[in-house]
Amino acid sequence: DAGVRSKAWYAATCDRKTAEDALYRSNKDGSFLIRKSSGQDSRQPYTLVVFYNRRVYNIPIRFIESTRQYALGREKSGEERFDSVAEIVENHQRTSLVLIDSQNNTKDSTKLRYIVRVS
């Protein structure tokens, strides 16, 4: 199960709207949680939800069957791959995560700083 079940940042039964509402309430740059993806697709099992600059970003977490690893967003050359979802979180608590706003075509970056719990 990608090592997510026991983690404070994993909101198992949370849908997109609930996650976004919780992050807007937190209103802290770098607030985050991970939820199951809406589509329940085995190739994209989870979504990383991040709050930054008054916006919520839903970033797909892909499962790469051939290597049994995980990666963020759309497939790209030279992308970072991780052995677990927990490794993605740990990595981006130390190093900034690039946030791409596809509507305005702007880039920001933040570290994952505050775990948001969905009640």
Protein backbone atom coordinates (compact mmCIF):
# COMPACT_ATOMS: atom_id res chain seq x y z
CA ASP A 1 0.00 0.00 0.00
CA ALA A 2 2.96 2.34 -0.70
CA GLY A 3 3.59 2.80 3.02
CA VAL A 4 0.91 5.45 3.43
CA ARG A 5 -1.69 3.96 5.78
CA SER A 6 0.00 4.78 9.08
CA LYS A 7 1.14 8.26 8.06
CA ALA A 8 -0.29 11.43 9.61
CA TRP A 9 -0.43 13.11 6.20
CA TYR A 10 -2.51 10.37 4.57
CA ALA A 11 -6.22 11.18 4.37
CA ALA A 12 -7.60 7.82 3.30
CA THR A 13 -11.29 8.56 2.82
CA CYS A 14 -10.91 12.15 1.71
CA ASP A 15 -12.26 13.42 -1.63
CA ARG A 16 -10.86 16.34 -3.60
CA LYS A 17 -13.27 18.95 -2.27
CA THR A 18 -12.77 17.92 1.38
CA ALA A 19 -8.99 18.03 0.93
CA GLU A 20 -9.07 21.45 -0.74
CA ASP A 21 -11.40 22.86 1.96
CA ALA A 22 -9.09 21.59 4.72
CA LEU A 23 -6.06 23.20 3.07
CA TYR A 24 -7.84 26.52 2.52
CA ARG A 25 -8.76 26.49 6.22
CA SER A 26 -5.12 25.85 7.19
CA ASN A 27 -4.13 28.85 5.05
CA LYS A 28 -0.40 28.16 5.50
CA ASP A 29 2.03 27.94 2.58
CA GLY A 30 3.44 24.44 2.45
CA SER A 31 0.40 22.78 4.03
CA PHE A 32 -0.22 19.39 2.46
CA LEU A 33 -1.86 16.00 2.60
CA ILE A 34 -2.07 12.95 0.39
CA ARG A 35 -5.38 11.45 -0.65
CA LYS A 36 -6.49 8.63 -2.88
CA SER A 37 -6.94 9.81 -6.45
CA SER A 38 -10.50 10.28 -7.57
CA GLY A 39 -10.13 8.00 -10.56
CA GLN A 40 -8.88 5.00 -8.55
CA ASP A 41 -6.48 4.19 -11.36
CA SER A 42 -3.68 1.80 -10.41
CA ARG A 43 -1.24 3.92 -12.45
CA GLN A 44 -2.20 7.04 -10.50
CA PRO A 45 -3.22 5.82 -7.05
CA TYR A 46 -2.68 8.99 -5.01
CA THR A 47 -2.77 12.76 -5.20
CA LEU A 48 -0.51 15.16 -3.32
CA VAL A 49 -2.56 18.22 -2.33
CA VAL A 50 -0.49 21.33 -1.51
CA PHE A 51 -1.47 24.85 -0.42
CA TYR A 52 0.68 27.75 -1.58
CA ASN A 53 0.04 31.43 -2.21
CA ARG A 54 -3.73 31.15 -1.57
CA ARG A 55 -4.04 28.28 -4.06
CA VAL A 56 -4.47 24.54 -3.78
CA TYR A 57 -2.52 22.29 -6.13
CA ASN A 58 -3.58 18.69 -6.78
CA ILE A 59 -0.50 16.84 -8.01
CA PRO A 60 -0.98 13.28 -9.27
CA ILE A 61 1.30 10.60 -7.87
CA ARG A 62 1.99 8.01 -10.54
CA PHE A 63 2.92 4.39 -9.98
CA ILE A 64 5.48 3.17 -12.52
CA GLU A 65 4.80 -0.51 -13.04
CA SER A 66 8.11 -1.35 -14.73
CA THR A 67 10.25 -0.14 -11.81
CA ARG A 68 7.64 -0.41 -9.00
CA GLN A 69 8.35 3.23 -8.16
CA TYR A 70 6.40 6.47 -7.75
CA ALA A 71 6.74 9.87 -9.44
CA LEU A 72 4.91 13.19 -9.33
CA GLY A 73 2.88 14.77 -12.12
CA ARG A 74 3.02 13.90 -15.79
CA GLU A 75 5.80 11.69 -17.05
CA LYS A 76 8.90 13.63 -18.07
CA SER A 77 12.46 12.76 -18.92
CA GLY A 78 14.87 12.84 -16.02
CA GLU A 79 12.07 12.85 -13.48
CA GLU A 80 12.69 11.93 -9.86
CA ARG A 81 11.44 8.49 -8.92
CA PHE A 82 10.86 7.18 -5.42
CA ASP A 83 10.44 3.74 -3.88
CA SER A 84 7.47 4.85 -1.79
CA VAL A 85 5.01 7.71 -1.38
CA ALA A 86 6.59 8.37 2.03
CA GLU A 87 9.93 8.99 0.28
CA ILE A 88 8.28 11.63 -1.91
CA VAL A 89 7.01 13.42 1.20
CA GLU A 90 10.33 13.14 3.05
CA ASN A 91 12.23 14.40 0.01
CA HIS A 92 9.98 17.44 -0.44
CA GLN A 93 10.13 18.30 3.24
CA ARG A 94 13.84 18.89 2.58
CA THR A 95 13.85 20.14 -1.01
CA SER A 96 11.37 22.41 -2.75
CA LEU A 97 8.56 21.04 -4.83
CA VAL A 98 7.86 22.87 -8.10
CA LEU A 99 4.21 23.89 -8.40
CA ILE A 100 2.97 24.54 -11.91
CA ASP A 101 -0.17 26.60 -12.43
CA SER A 102 -1.46 25.32 -15.75
CA GLN A 103 -4.04 28.12 -16.05
CA ASN A 104 -1.60 31.00 -15.70
CA ASN A 105 1.44 29.02 -16.85
CA THR A 106 3.40 30.16 -13.79
CA LYS A 107 5.78 28.23 -11.55
CA ASP A 108 6.21 28.47 -7.82
CA SER A 109 7.94 26.24 -5.34
CA THR A 110 7.52 25.33 -1.70
CA LYS A 111 8.57 22.65 0.72
CA LEU A 112 6.02 20.38 2.36
CA ARG A 113 5.86 21.98 5.80
CA TYR A 114 2.54 21.46 7.58
CA ILE A 115 0.54 18.27 7.69
CA VAL A 116 -3.17 18.95 7.40
CA ARG A 117 -5.51 16.47 9.01
CA VAL A 118 -9.01 16.10 7.67
CA SER A 119 -11.54 15.66 10.42
